[in-house]
Amino acid sequence: MPDTRLKLVFAGTPEFAAQHLKALLDDDRHDVIAVYTQPDRPAGRGKKPRPSPVKALAEAAGLPVYQPLNFKAQDDRDALAALGADLMVVVAYGLILPQAVLDLPRLGCVNVHASILPRWRGAAPIQRAIEAGDAETGVTIMRMAAGLDTGDMLHIVRCPIGPEDTSASLHDQLAVLGGPALLDALDQLASGTAQPEVQDDSLSNYAAKIDKAEGDIDWTLSATELDRRIRAFVPFPVCYTQLGEDRLRIWRATPETGSGQPGEILSSDKSGIVVACGEGALRLLSLQLPNARQMDAAELLNGHAARFQPGTVLGAR
């Protein structure tokens, strides 16, 4: 019987990637022989270099860890080639891999992408799916190609997007779904039963990296649009609006009926702060003032009710 165990090199950096590495380590069907991750970055108040979640997990498992700045140097490509991997698994690595690197493992490289391709290609598929009002998202395991998330699809799992889902909650759901999906795709590759599906480029959209400035709320948009954006931008960058001289961050809201000048507070009580939008209104449920913690509306109004009187206009500068 042919040996279907694969020698894997894993490349990833954040917690989402670490959960996929853990799925591989917890399973005994394939062997992770080395891990690649981004160089340690300064973090915390002391700005001391901090290892990525993937590095921390890899070191705890006793795996060799490589942290090249990129793969432009021949020595870095030679080091990867010397590992003799069958396949490289890439999950939110943070580096664009040149074709010369994609070609090094015997079976090439596969990527775990947090959307149903080809719908959202790019850096922020979870956020853009919520912002656009998509009914579902998922995880796609694909062969890597030189283009941006353009490779042939090997396996897809789907996940509904609920009316209260944020990028944080959806991230956690997809991280759980992705591990088993990855293992299924690896088994298919190892056994030679994989049936890659070519993406339809005409159905693709670019999921651009989130810019902090996108969090500035435009109250002339509809309540539905703003609700989606607020949920899409939790936990980063978190939507905000001006309250006098202060920046007010909005963590949670819900659309409802109402009308008035966009940004105008229509009512404020322990059930929330209702603000008029271009169409409909938003009930603000969880907010944060500068140098304060996140609070629900009732708690915030206990100390700041005078700042949220009906008729006050948010976003005015």
Protein backbone atom coordinates (compact mmCIF):
# COMPACT_ATOMS: atom_id res chain seq x y z
CA MET A 1 0.00 0.00 0.00
CA PRO A 2 1.53 3.37 -0.99
CA ASP A 3 2.65 5.75 1.77
CA THR A 4 0.26 8.72 1.83
CA ARG A 5 2.01 10.62 4.62
CA LEU A 6 3.14 14.04 3.50
CA LYS A 7 6.15 15.95 4.76
CA LEU A 8 4.78 19.44 5.32
CA VAL A 9 6.34 22.86 5.75
CA PHE A 10 3.90 25.26 7.39
CA ALA A 11 4.00 29.03 6.79
CA GLY A 12 1.80 31.38 8.81
CA THR A 13 1.85 34.13 11.40
CA PRO A 14 -1.31 35.19 13.35
CA GLU A 15 -3.68 33.25 15.62
CA PHE A 16 -5.83 32.17 12.67
CA ALA A 17 -2.79 30.43 11.21
CA ALA A 18 -1.76 28.97 14.57
CA GLN A 19 -5.11 27.20 14.87
CA HIS A 20 -4.51 25.53 11.52
CA LEU A 21 -0.99 24.50 12.56
CA LYS A 22 -2.46 23.01 15.73
CA ALA A 23 -4.95 21.01 13.65
CA LEU A 24 -2.04 19.53 11.69
CA LEU A 25 -0.04 18.77 14.84
CA ASP A 26 -3.02 17.16 16.58
CA ASP A 27 -3.57 14.88 13.59
CA ASP A 28 -1.19 12.00 12.86
CA ARG A 29 -1.81 11.60 9.14
CA HIS A 30 0.97 13.95 8.01
CA ASP A 31 4.28 15.27 9.36
CA VAL A 32 5.08 18.95 9.88
CA ILE A 33 8.86 19.14 9.51
CA ALA A 34 9.44 22.92 9.76
CA VAL A 35 7.62 26.21 10.22
CA TYR A 36 8.02 29.60 8.56
CA THR A 37 6.65 32.77 10.15
CA GLN A 38 7.14 36.53 10.11
CA PRO A 39 10.08 37.98 12.09
CA ASP A 40 9.30 38.91 15.70
CA ARG A 41 7.66 42.34 15.91
CA PRO A 42 7.76 44.95 18.72
CA ALA A 43 4.61 44.75 20.82
CA GLY A 44 3.21 45.94 24.13
CA ARG A 45 4.16 48.98 26.14
CA GLY A 46 7.82 48.08 26.21
CA LYS A 47 7.89 47.46 22.45
CA LYS A 48 9.89 44.30 23.00
CA PRO A 49 10.06 41.86 20.09
CA ARG A 50 7.25 39.32 20.45
CA PRO A 51 7.05 35.98 18.62
CA SER A 52 4.03 35.34 16.46
CA PRO A 53 1.37 32.89 17.66
CA VAL A 54 2.63 30.44 15.03
CA LYS A 55 6.21 30.68 16.28
CA ALA A 56 5.16 30.18 19.89
CA LEU A 57 3.21 27.05 18.99
CA ALA A 58 5.97 25.70 16.75
CA GLU A 59 8.65 26.15 19.40
CA ALA A 60 6.44 24.48 22.02
CA ALA A 61 6.15 21.53 19.64
CA GLY A 62 9.93 21.41 19.11
CA LEU A 63 9.78 22.31 15.43
CA PRO A 64 12.51 24.27 13.62
CA VAL A 65 11.39 27.83 12.87
CA TYR A 66 12.56 30.00 9.97
CA GLN A 67 11.87 33.76 9.82
CA PRO A 68 13.23 35.27 6.59
CA LEU A 69 12.35 38.86 5.75
CA ASN A 70 11.45 37.60 2.28
CA PHE A 71 12.67 34.98 -0.16
CA LYS A 72 14.75 37.24 -2.35
CA ALA A 73 18.02 35.83 -1.01
CA GLN A 74 19.15 32.59 -2.63
CA ASP A 75 20.23 31.28 0.79
CA ASP A 76 16.62 31.45 2.02
CA ARG A 77 15.34 29.58 -1.03
CA ASP A 78 18.12 27.00 -0.65
CA ALA A 79 17.20 26.44 3.01
CA LEU A 80 13.59 25.74 2.05
CA ALA A 81 14.63 23.40 -0.77
CA ALA A 82 16.94 21.49 1.59
CA LEU A 83 13.98 20.54 3.79
CA GLY A 84 12.72 18.25 1.02
CA ALA A 85 9.06 18.94 1.76
CA ASP A 86 6.27 17.31 -0.21
CA LEU A 87 4.01 20.33 0.28
CA MET A 88 4.01 23.80 1.81
CA VAL A 89 0.85 24.87 3.66
CA VAL A 90 0.42 28.66 3.76
CA VAL A 91 -2.10 30.34 6.10
CA ALA A 92 -2.02 34.12 6.58
CA TYR A 93 1.76 34.15 6.28
CA GLY A 94 2.05 37.82 5.34
CA LEU A 95 4.63 37.38 2.59
CA ILE A 96 4.03 37.15 -1.14
CA LEU A 97 5.78 34.00 -2.31
CA PRO A 98 7.52 34.20 -5.71
CA GLN A 99 6.98 31.45 -8.25
CA ALA A 100 10.47 30.11 -7.55
CA VAL A 101 9.37 29.36 -3.97
CA LEU A 102 5.97 27.96 -4.96
CA ASP A 103 7.76 25.45 -7.18
CA LEU A 104 10.16 24.12 -4.51
CA PRO A 105 8.00 21.54 -2.67
CA ARG A 106 7.28 18.34 -4.64
CA LEU A 107 3.52 19.03 -4.72
CA GLY A 108 3.77 22.81 -4.64
CA CYS A 109 1.99 25.01 -2.10
CA VAL A 110 -1.59 25.21 -0.84
CA ASN A 111 -3.27 28.13 0.87
CA VAL A 112 -6.13 28.40 3.35
CA HIS A 113 -8.22 31.44 2.39
CA ALA A 114 -10.98 32.82 4.62
CA SER A 115 -13.71 33.19 1.99
CA ILE A 116 -15.55 31.27 -0.69
CA LEU A 117 -13.38 31.94 -3.70
CA PRO A 118 -13.47 33.62 -6.09
CA ARG A 119 -15.85 36.01 -4.27
CA TRP A 120 -13.26 37.86 -2.19
CA ARG A 121 -9.57 37.85 -3.10
CA GLY A 122 -7.13 39.86 -1.03
CA ALA A 123 -6.19 40.81 2.49
CA ALA A 124 -9.55 41.38 4.21
CA PRO A 125 -12.08 38.82 2.95
CA ILE A 126 -13.90 38.42 6.28
CA GLN A 127 -14.45 42.15 6.74
CA ARG A 128 -15.47 42.78 3.14
CA ALA A 129 -17.98 39.93 3.16
CA ILE A 130 -19.79 41.38 6.19
CA GLU A 131 -19.57 44.93 4.86
CA ALA A 132 -21.10 43.87 1.54
CA GLY A 133 -24.00 42.09 3.23
CA ASP A 134 -23.06 38.60 2.02
CA ALA A 135 -25.33 35.84 3.33
CA GLU A 136 -22.47 33.37 3.69
CA THR A 137 -18.73 32.99 3.65
CA GLY A 138 -16.40 30.07 4.23
CA VAL A 139 -12.92 28.66 3.81
CA THR A 140 -11.30 27.70 0.51
CA ILE A 141 -8.26 25.44 0.27
CA MET A 142 -6.50 26.20 -2.99
CA ARG A 143 -3.33 25.52 -4.88
CA MET A 144 -1.16 28.61 -4.85
CA ALA A 145 -0.37 30.41 -8.11
CA ALA A 146 1.51 33.59 -8.89
CA GLY A 147 -1.69 35.72 -8.93
CA LEU A 148 -3.51 37.05 -5.88
CA ASP A 149 -5.65 34.17 -4.58
CA THR A 150 -6.18 32.91 -8.13
CA GLY A 151 -5.13 29.27 -7.76
CA ASP A 152 -7.30 26.23 -8.44
CA MET A 153 -9.70 25.37 -5.62
CA LEU A 154 -9.32 22.02 -3.85
CA HIS A 155 -11.94 22.12 -1.11
CA ILE A 156 -14.59 24.58 0.15
CA VAL A 157 -16.55 24.69 3.41
CA ARG A 158 -19.36 27.20 3.90
CA CYS A 159 -20.55 29.24 6.87
CA PRO A 160 -23.63 31.50 7.15
CA ILE A 161 -23.12 35.13 8.20
CA GLY A 162 -25.60 35.94 10.96
CA PRO A 163 -27.19 39.38 11.53
CA GLU A 164 -25.03 39.96 14.61
CA ASP A 165 -21.78 38.47 13.34
CA THR A 166 -18.68 40.64 13.55
CA SER A 167 -15.33 40.05 11.92
CA ALA A 168 -14.15 38.74 15.29
CA SER A 169 -16.92 36.17 15.64
CA LEU A 170 -16.69 35.10 12.01
CA HIS A 171 -12.90 34.81 12.25
CA ASP A 172 -13.29 32.37 15.12
CA GLN A 173 -15.90 30.29 13.29
CA LEU A 174 -13.74 30.06 10.15
CA ALA A 175 -10.66 29.13 12.15
CA VAL A 176 -12.56 26.12 13.51
CA LEU A 177 -13.85 25.11 10.06
CA GLY A 178 -10.52 25.56 8.32
CA GLY A 179 -8.53 22.85 10.09
CA PRO A 180 -10.71 19.88 9.06
CA ALA A 181 -11.07 21.33 5.56
CA LEU A 182 -7.29 21.54 5.25
CA LEU A 183 -6.85 17.95 6.41
CA ASP A 184 -9.43 16.74 3.87
CA ALA A 185 -7.61 18.56 1.06
CA LEU A 186 -4.26 17.13 2.14
CA ASP A 187 -5.66 13.62 2.14
CA GLN A 188 -6.95 14.12 -1.40
CA LEU A 189 -3.58 15.41 -2.57
CA ALA A 190 -1.72 12.58 -0.87
CA SER A 191 -3.95 9.90 -2.39
CA GLY A 192 -4.04 11.50 -5.83
CA THR A 193 -7.83 11.94 -5.73
CA ALA A 194 -7.89 15.76 -5.63
CA GLN A 195 -10.06 17.39 -8.30
CA PRO A 196 -8.93 21.02 -8.59
CA GLU A 197 -11.53 23.50 -9.82
CA VAL A 198 -10.51 26.55 -11.85
CA GLN A 199 -11.80 29.86 -10.49
CA ASP A 200 -14.12 32.04 -12.53
CA ASP A 201 -12.27 35.36 -12.56
CA SER A 202 -15.42 37.23 -13.59
CA LEU A 203 -16.93 36.53 -10.14
CA SER A 204 -14.03 37.92 -8.13
CA ASN A 205 -13.85 41.07 -6.00
CA TYR A 206 -10.82 42.66 -4.37
CA ALA A 207 -10.92 42.53 -0.57
CA ALA A 208 -8.66 45.52 0.05
CA LYS A 209 -6.77 45.84 3.32
CA ILE A 210 -8.75 47.82 5.89
CA ASP A 211 -7.70 51.45 6.28
CA LYS A 212 -8.34 53.11 9.65
CA ALA A 213 -9.95 56.07 7.88
CA GLU A 214 -12.73 53.76 6.65
CA GLY A 215 -14.00 53.61 10.21
CA ASP A 216 -15.15 57.26 10.11
CA ILE A 217 -18.94 56.98 9.94
CA ASP A 218 -20.77 58.76 7.15
CA TRP A 219 -24.24 59.26 8.63
CA THR A 220 -25.74 59.92 5.18
CA LEU A 221 -25.44 56.20 4.46
CA SER A 222 -28.37 53.93 5.31
CA ALA A 223 -28.70 52.32 8.71
CA THR A 224 -28.31 48.90 7.09
CA GLU A 225 -25.02 49.86 5.45
CA LEU A 226 -23.67 51.37 8.66
CA ASP A 227 -24.68 48.37 10.75
CA ARG A 228 -22.74 46.10 8.39
CA ARG A 229 -19.69 48.35 8.46
CA ILE A 230 -19.71 48.57 12.26
CA ARG A 231 -19.80 44.78 12.51
CA ALA A 232 -17.17 44.38 9.79
CA PHE A 233 -14.73 46.65 11.62
CA VAL A 234 -14.82 44.86 14.98
CA PRO A 235 -12.22 44.31 16.36
CA PHE A 236 -10.25 46.58 13.98
CA PRO A 237 -10.29 49.47 13.33
CA VAL A 238 -13.70 49.97 15.08
CA CYS A 239 -16.03 52.56 13.59
CA TYR A 240 -16.04 56.04 15.08
CA THR A 241 -17.75 59.41 14.88
CA GLN A 242 -17.17 62.86 16.36
CA LEU A 243 -18.95 63.86 19.57
CA GLY A 244 -17.91 67.49 19.95
CA GLU A 245 -14.12 67.41 20.22
CA ASP A 246 -14.01 63.72 21.10
CA ARG A 247 -13.87 60.63 18.95
CA LEU A 248 -16.66 58.23 19.92
CA ARG A 249 -16.05 54.59 18.99
CA ILE A 250 -19.07 52.44 18.19
CA TRP A 251 -18.72 48.72 18.93
CA ARG A 252 -22.28 47.52 18.48
CA ALA A 253 -25.48 48.89 16.98
CA THR A 254 -28.69 47.72 15.34
CA PRO A 255 -30.82 49.25 12.57
CA GLU A 256 -34.34 50.48 13.23
CA THR A 257 -36.92 52.92 11.92
CA GLY A 258 -36.54 56.65 12.42
CA SER A 259 -35.78 59.81 10.50
CA GLY A 260 -34.02 63.10 10.99
CA GLN A 261 -30.88 64.96 10.01
CA PRO A 262 -28.13 62.40 9.39
CA GLY A 263 -26.14 62.06 12.61
CA GLU A 264 -28.87 63.61 14.78
CA ILE A 265 -29.61 61.90 18.08
CA LEU A 266 -33.33 61.11 18.08
CA SER A 267 -33.54 59.57 21.55
CA SER A 268 -31.28 58.30 24.32
CA ASP A 269 -32.18 56.01 27.16
CA LYS A 270 -30.99 52.78 28.75
CA SER A 271 -32.08 50.81 25.65
CA GLY A 272 -29.64 52.72 23.45
CA ILE A 273 -28.86 55.95 21.64
CA VAL A 274 -30.89 56.26 18.44
CA VAL A 275 -29.20 58.21 15.64
CA ALA A 276 -30.74 59.21 12.30
CA CYS A 277 -29.07 57.96 9.14
CA GLY A 278 -29.53 58.74 5.45
CA GLU A 279 -32.19 56.05 5.53
CA GLY A 280 -33.57 54.71 8.81
CA ALA A 281 -31.76 55.00 12.13
CA LEU A 282 -29.19 53.17 14.22
CA ARG A 283 -29.61 52.27 17.87
CA LEU A 284 -26.11 52.48 19.36
CA LEU A 285 -25.69 49.76 21.97
CA SER A 286 -22.01 49.66 22.92
CA LEU A 287 -19.70 52.68 22.77
CA GLN A 288 -16.35 54.00 23.96
CA LEU A 289 -15.21 57.51 24.81
CA PRO A 290 -11.52 58.49 24.69
CA ASN A 291 -9.42 57.11 27.57
CA ALA A 292 -12.34 55.00 28.74
CA ARG A 293 -13.37 51.39 28.39
CA GLN A 294 -16.10 50.10 26.13
CA MET A 295 -19.55 50.45 27.79
CA ASP A 296 -23.14 49.63 26.97
CA ALA A 297 -25.36 52.64 26.34
CA ALA A 298 -27.09 52.54 29.73
CA GLU A 299 -23.80 52.66 31.62
CA LEU A 300 -22.42 55.40 29.38
CA LEU A 301 -25.50 57.57 29.88
CA ASN A 302 -25.23 57.24 33.65
CA GLY A 303 -22.22 59.55 33.57
CA HIS A 304 -22.59 61.38 30.26
CA ALA A 305 -26.32 61.81 29.58
CA ALA A 306 -25.95 65.54 28.91
CA ARG A 307 -23.67 64.82 25.94
CA PHE A 308 -26.26 62.60 24.23
CA GLN A 309 -29.38 64.73 24.39
CA PRO A 310 -31.83 64.49 21.46
CA GLY A 311 -30.94 67.09 18.85
CA THR A 312 -27.18 66.62 19.29
CA VAL A 313 -25.57 65.91 15.93
CA LEU A 314 -22.81 63.30 15.76
CA GLY A 315 -20.07 63.61 13.18
CA ALA A 316 -20.17 67.43 13.15
CA ARG A 317 -16.79 69.09 13.33
